[in-house]
């Protein structure tokens, strides 16, 4: 028996991919599409979260030095990426809409005190409406930010199984091709098995970045959600202060 002579040069990845079977190539094509979509989502979300972080920091810095939440009436339009600005704008809008029907135009002096007390009491009872409106806006904004993230999670879950499917199919094909050979050696089945394992590697290369960035984005969303809850609470507190101070005037 002649001794086995190893090849003079190892096969490249590109040669291995070109030499793969039709099913493996189809799996690799699907994984390539998944990879392009995955990195598109990742890059877009990284830019979005960077903008949100920058605008949140600026808005909260200004908000800490507020005299009244009402001074942000026009300022909210300048922040287009942060959900905090849209939450604040919605809260101020609801607050103004509730105040308009409760105010009287040029009330008589004898009615002024009673009207002011009634209006303040009604505003205090309707304050949960403002809170609910801001919560709805917060929920909507987070749905917009979270868009495409479920697909990123799907890619991270499905890609390894697609790669494994291609591998199992390739190994099965390699074994079926040698079933009629009397003596099967490692040198005979190794090329087929190595070609099949390419799909597993490709599946992992697609899934790992998708999973890492999905968890990263979920953590960022959780931080922004907590920040939004504290922000809504601070706005409601300012509205309560305004009601109390209006009674003291």
Protein backbone atom coordinates (compact mmCIF):
# COMPACT_ATOMS: atom_id res chain seq x y z
CA UNK A 1 0.00 0.00 0.00
CA UNK A 2 1.35 3.37 -0.94
CA UNK A 3 1.79 5.81 1.93
CA UNK A 4 -0.54 8.79 2.12
CA UNK A 5 1.03 11.95 0.74
CA UNK A 6 -0.47 15.15 2.18
CA UNK A 7 -1.29 17.96 -0.23
CA UNK A 8 1.42 20.49 -0.83
CA UNK A 9 -0.84 23.43 0.06
CA UNK A 10 -3.89 23.49 2.33
CA UNK A 11 -7.25 24.34 0.81
CA UNK A 12 -8.34 27.93 1.29
CA UNK A 13 -11.72 28.91 2.71
CA UNK A 14 -12.84 30.19 -0.66
CA UNK A 15 -11.87 26.89 -2.34
CA UNK A 16 -13.70 24.96 0.36
CA UNK A 17 -16.85 27.04 -0.10
CA UNK A 18 -16.74 26.68 -3.88
CA UNK A 19 -16.27 22.94 -3.51
CA UNK A 20 -19.23 22.56 -1.15
CA UNK A 21 -22.41 20.88 -2.25
CA UNK A 22 -25.49 22.65 -3.59
CA UNK A 23 -27.38 22.39 -0.28
CA UNK A 24 -24.41 23.76 1.68
CA UNK A 25 -24.09 26.67 -0.76
CA UNK A 26 -27.79 27.44 -0.31
CA UNK A 27 -27.33 27.48 3.48
CA UNK A 28 -24.27 29.72 3.15
CA UNK A 29 -26.22 32.11 0.92
CA UNK A 30 -29.01 32.38 3.50
CA UNK A 31 -26.43 32.98 6.24
CA UNK A 32 -24.80 35.69 4.11
CA UNK A 33 -28.16 37.46 3.75
CA UNK A 34 -28.72 37.14 7.51
CA UNK A 35 -25.27 38.57 8.17
CA UNK A 36 -25.88 41.62 5.94
CA UNK A 37 -29.26 42.28 7.58
CA UNK A 38 -27.80 41.74 11.05
CA UNK A 39 -24.94 44.20 10.59
CA UNK A 40 -27.27 46.74 8.99
CA UNK A 41 -29.50 46.60 12.08
CA UNK A 42 -26.48 46.73 14.41
CA UNK A 43 -24.96 49.81 12.75
CA UNK A 44 -28.30 51.66 12.63
CA UNK A 45 -29.05 50.90 16.28
CA UNK A 46 -25.56 51.89 17.42
CA UNK A 47 -26.01 55.28 15.75
CA UNK A 48 -29.51 55.68 17.18
CA UNK A 49 -28.48 54.85 20.75
CA UNK A 50 -25.50 57.19 20.47
CA UNK A 51 -27.82 60.05 19.45
CA UNK A 52 -30.31 59.20 22.20
CA UNK A 53 -27.56 59.14 24.83
CA UNK A 54 -26.19 62.51 23.69
CA UNK A 55 -29.60 64.23 23.59
CA UNK A 56 -30.75 62.65 26.86
CA UNK A 57 -27.64 63.94 28.59
CA UNK A 58 -28.17 67.48 27.28
CA UNK A 59 -31.90 67.56 28.02
CA UNK A 60 -31.54 66.16 31.54
CA UNK A 61 -28.75 68.63 32.26
CA UNK A 62 -31.07 71.50 31.33
CA UNK A 63 -33.99 69.91 33.14
CA UNK A 64 -32.09 69.76 36.43
CA UNK A 65 -31.77 73.54 36.46
CA UNK A 66 -35.41 74.25 35.64
CA UNK A 67 -37.51 76.79 37.46
CA UNK A 68 -40.66 75.27 36.01
CA UNK A 69 -41.32 72.41 33.62
CA UNK A 70 -43.36 74.82 31.48
CA UNK A 71 -40.18 76.60 30.33
CA UNK A 72 -39.47 73.57 28.10
CA UNK A 73 -42.59 74.19 26.00
CA UNK A 74 -40.62 75.26 22.92
CA UNK A 75 -37.34 73.52 23.72
CA UNK A 76 -38.69 69.99 23.21
CA UNK A 77 -38.87 70.46 19.42
CA UNK A 78 -35.07 70.69 19.25
CA UNK A 79 -34.57 67.09 20.41
CA UNK A 80 -35.79 64.74 17.71
CA UNK A 81 -34.14 61.47 18.75
CA UNK A 82 -34.63 61.23 22.49
CA UNK A 83 -37.94 59.81 23.77
CA UNK A 84 -37.67 62.08 26.83
CA UNK A 85 -38.36 65.19 24.75
CA UNK A 86 -41.44 63.60 23.18
CA UNK A 87 -42.68 62.43 26.57
CA UNK A 88 -42.27 65.94 27.96
CA UNK A 89 -43.96 67.51 24.93
CA UNK A 90 -46.94 65.16 25.30
CA UNK A 91 -47.20 65.89 29.02
CA UNK A 92 -47.19 69.65 28.45
CA UNK A 93 -49.77 69.29 25.67
CA UNK A 94 -52.13 67.30 27.89
CA UNK A 95 -51.57 69.74 30.77
CA UNK A 96 -52.54 72.72 28.62
CA UNK A 97 -55.60 70.92 27.26
CA UNK A 98 -56.81 70.15 30.78
CA UNK A 99 -56.25 73.70 32.01
CA UNK A 100 -58.15 75.46 29.19
CA UNK A 101 -61.70 74.27 30.01
CA UNK A 102 -61.09 74.87 33.72
CA UNK A 103 -60.15 78.54 33.37
CA UNK A 104 -62.69 81.38 33.30
CA UNK A 105 -62.17 84.51 31.23
CA UNK A 106 -62.24 87.64 33.41
CA UNK A 107 -64.07 86.13 36.40
CA UNK A 108 -65.83 88.43 38.86
CA UNK A 109 -63.82 89.28 41.99
CA UNK A 110 -66.23 87.37 44.23
CA UNK A 111 -65.91 84.27 42.02
CA UNK A 112 -62.17 84.40 41.50
CA UNK A 113 -61.15 82.57 44.69
CA UNK A 114 -63.82 79.89 44.36
CA UNK A 115 -63.03 79.34 40.69
CA UNK A 116 -59.33 79.03 41.41
CA UNK A 117 -59.98 76.44 44.14
CA UNK A 118 -62.30 74.41 41.92
CA UNK A 119 -59.85 74.52 39.00
CA UNK A 120 -56.93 73.42 41.17
CA UNK A 121 -58.96 70.57 42.66
CA UNK A 122 -60.06 69.42 39.21
CA UNK A 123 -56.51 69.59 37.89
CA UNK A 124 -55.28 67.47 40.79
CA UNK A 125 -57.90 64.84 39.99
CA UNK A 126 -57.08 64.94 36.27
CA UNK A 127 -53.32 64.73 36.80
CA UNK A 128 -53.36 60.92 36.24
CA UNK A 129 -54.57 61.68 32.70
CA UNK A 130 -51.32 63.51 32.04
CA UNK A 131 -49.37 60.61 33.54
CA UNK A 132 -51.20 58.10 31.33
CA UNK A 133 -50.63 60.22 28.22
CA UNK A 134 -46.89 60.34 28.88
CA UNK A 135 -46.83 56.59 29.54
CA UNK A 136 -48.55 55.95 26.19
CA UNK A 137 -46.02 58.15 24.43
CA UNK A 138 -43.19 56.37 26.22
CA UNK A 139 -44.55 52.99 25.16
CA UNK A 140 -44.88 54.11 21.54
CA UNK A 141 -41.37 55.57 21.45
CA UNK A 142 -39.86 52.39 22.86
CA UNK A 143 -41.69 50.35 20.25
CA UNK A 144 -40.01 52.50 17.60
CA UNK A 145 -36.57 52.11 19.18
CA UNK A 146 -37.06 48.38 19.66
CA UNK A 147 -38.07 47.84 16.04
CA UNK A 148 -35.88 45.26 14.23
CA UNK A 149 -34.40 43.96 17.49
CA UNK A 150 -36.66 40.85 17.52
CA UNK A 151 -35.36 40.00 14.06
CA UNK A 152 -31.80 40.36 15.38
CA UNK A 153 -32.68 37.90 18.15
CA UNK A 154 -34.17 35.53 15.56
CA UNK A 155 -30.96 35.65 13.51
CA UNK A 156 -28.86 34.86 16.58
CA UNK A 157 -31.08 31.86 17.37
CA UNK A 158 -31.62 30.44 13.89
CA UNK A 159 -28.15 30.87 12.36
CA UNK A 160 -26.38 28.14 14.41
CA UNK A 161 -29.14 25.67 13.55
CA UNK A 162 -28.89 26.52 9.85
CA UNK A 163 -25.15 25.95 10.04
CA UNK A 164 -25.68 22.67 11.86
CA UNK A 165 -28.24 21.61 9.25
CA UNK A 166 -25.73 22.21 6.48
CA UNK A 167 -23.09 20.28 8.39
CA UNK A 168 -25.31 17.28 9.06
CA UNK A 169 -26.42 17.26 5.44
CA UNK A 170 -22.81 17.42 4.23
CA UNK A 171 -21.62 14.65 6.57
CA UNK A 172 -24.55 12.48 5.53
CA UNK A 173 -23.76 13.05 1.86
CA UNK A 174 -20.07 12.21 2.45
CA UNK A 175 -20.97 8.96 4.22
CA UNK A 176 -23.46 7.98 1.51
CA UNK A 177 -20.83 8.54 -1.16
CA UNK A 178 -18.46 6.02 0.45
CA UNK A 179 -20.95 3.36 1.49
CA UNK A 180 -19.97 1.08 -1.45
CA UNK A 181 -16.22 1.51 -0.96
CA UNK A 182 -14.68 -1.61 0.63
CA UNK A 183 -12.09 0.20 2.70
CA UNK A 184 -12.91 3.66 4.01
CA UNK A 185 -10.04 5.73 5.32
CA UNK A 186 -9.93 9.12 6.96
CA UNK A 187 -8.36 10.58 3.84
CA UNK A 188 -11.44 9.58 1.84
CA UNK A 189 -14.11 11.07 4.11
CA UNK A 190 -12.13 14.04 5.45
CA UNK A 191 -12.73 16.35 2.44
CA UNK A 192 -16.50 15.87 2.61
CA UNK A 193 -16.62 16.36 6.38
CA UNK A 194 -14.39 19.46 6.28
CA UNK A 195 -16.57 20.97 3.54
CA UNK A 196 -19.67 20.29 5.62
CA UNK A 197 -18.21 21.96 8.74
CA UNK A 198 -17.89 25.26 6.87
CA UNK A 199 -21.62 25.89 7.33
CA UNK A 200 -21.33 25.46 11.11
CA UNK A 201 -18.51 28.00 11.24
CA UNK A 202 -20.51 30.40 9.07
CA UNK A 203 -23.59 29.98 11.27
CA UNK A 204 -21.61 30.80 14.41
CA UNK A 205 -19.93 33.80 12.78
CA UNK A 206 -23.38 35.20 12.00
CA UNK A 207 -25.01 34.30 15.33
CA UNK A 208 -22.35 35.45 17.80
CA UNK A 209 -22.27 39.18 16.85
CA UNK A 210 -26.06 39.23 16.55
CA UNK A 211 -26.47 37.78 20.05
CA UNK A 212 -23.86 40.06 21.61
CA UNK A 213 -25.36 43.24 20.18
CA UNK A 214 -28.93 42.13 20.86
CA UNK A 215 -28.14 41.76 24.57
CA UNK A 216 -26.28 45.08 24.47
CA UNK A 217 -29.25 46.89 22.93
CA UNK A 218 -31.70 45.28 25.37
CA UNK A 219 -29.56 46.56 28.24
CA UNK A 220 -29.53 50.05 26.74
CA UNK A 221 -33.31 49.94 26.32
CA UNK A 222 -33.69 48.95 29.95
CA UNK A 223 -31.55 51.91 31.04
CA UNK A 224 -33.53 54.35 28.89
CA UNK A 225 -36.81 52.91 30.20
CA UNK A 226 -35.72 53.44 33.81
CA UNK A 227 -34.59 56.97 32.95
CA UNK A 228 -37.95 57.68 31.30
CA UNK A 229 -39.87 56.50 34.36
CA UNK A 230 -37.86 58.82 36.60
CA UNK A 231 -38.38 61.65 34.11
CA UNK A 232 -42.16 61.16 34.04
CA UNK A 233 -42.21 61.11 37.84
CA UNK A 234 -40.27 64.41 37.96
CA UNK A 235 -42.68 66.05 35.48
CA UNK A 236 -45.74 64.97 37.48
CA UNK A 237 -44.11 66.34 40.64
CA UNK A 238 -43.62 69.70 38.94
CA UNK A 239 -47.28 69.79 37.89
CA UNK A 240 -48.35 69.04 41.47
CA UNK A 241 -46.15 71.91 42.69
CA UNK A 242 -47.79 74.25 40.18
CA UNK A 243 -51.25 73.27 41.44
CA UNK A 244 -50.24 73.91 45.05
CA UNK A 245 -48.54 77.23 44.27
CA UNK A 246 -51.53 78.39 42.21
CA UNK A 247 -53.72 77.92 45.33
CA UNK A 248 -51.34 80.06 47.38
CA UNK A 249 -51.48 83.01 44.99
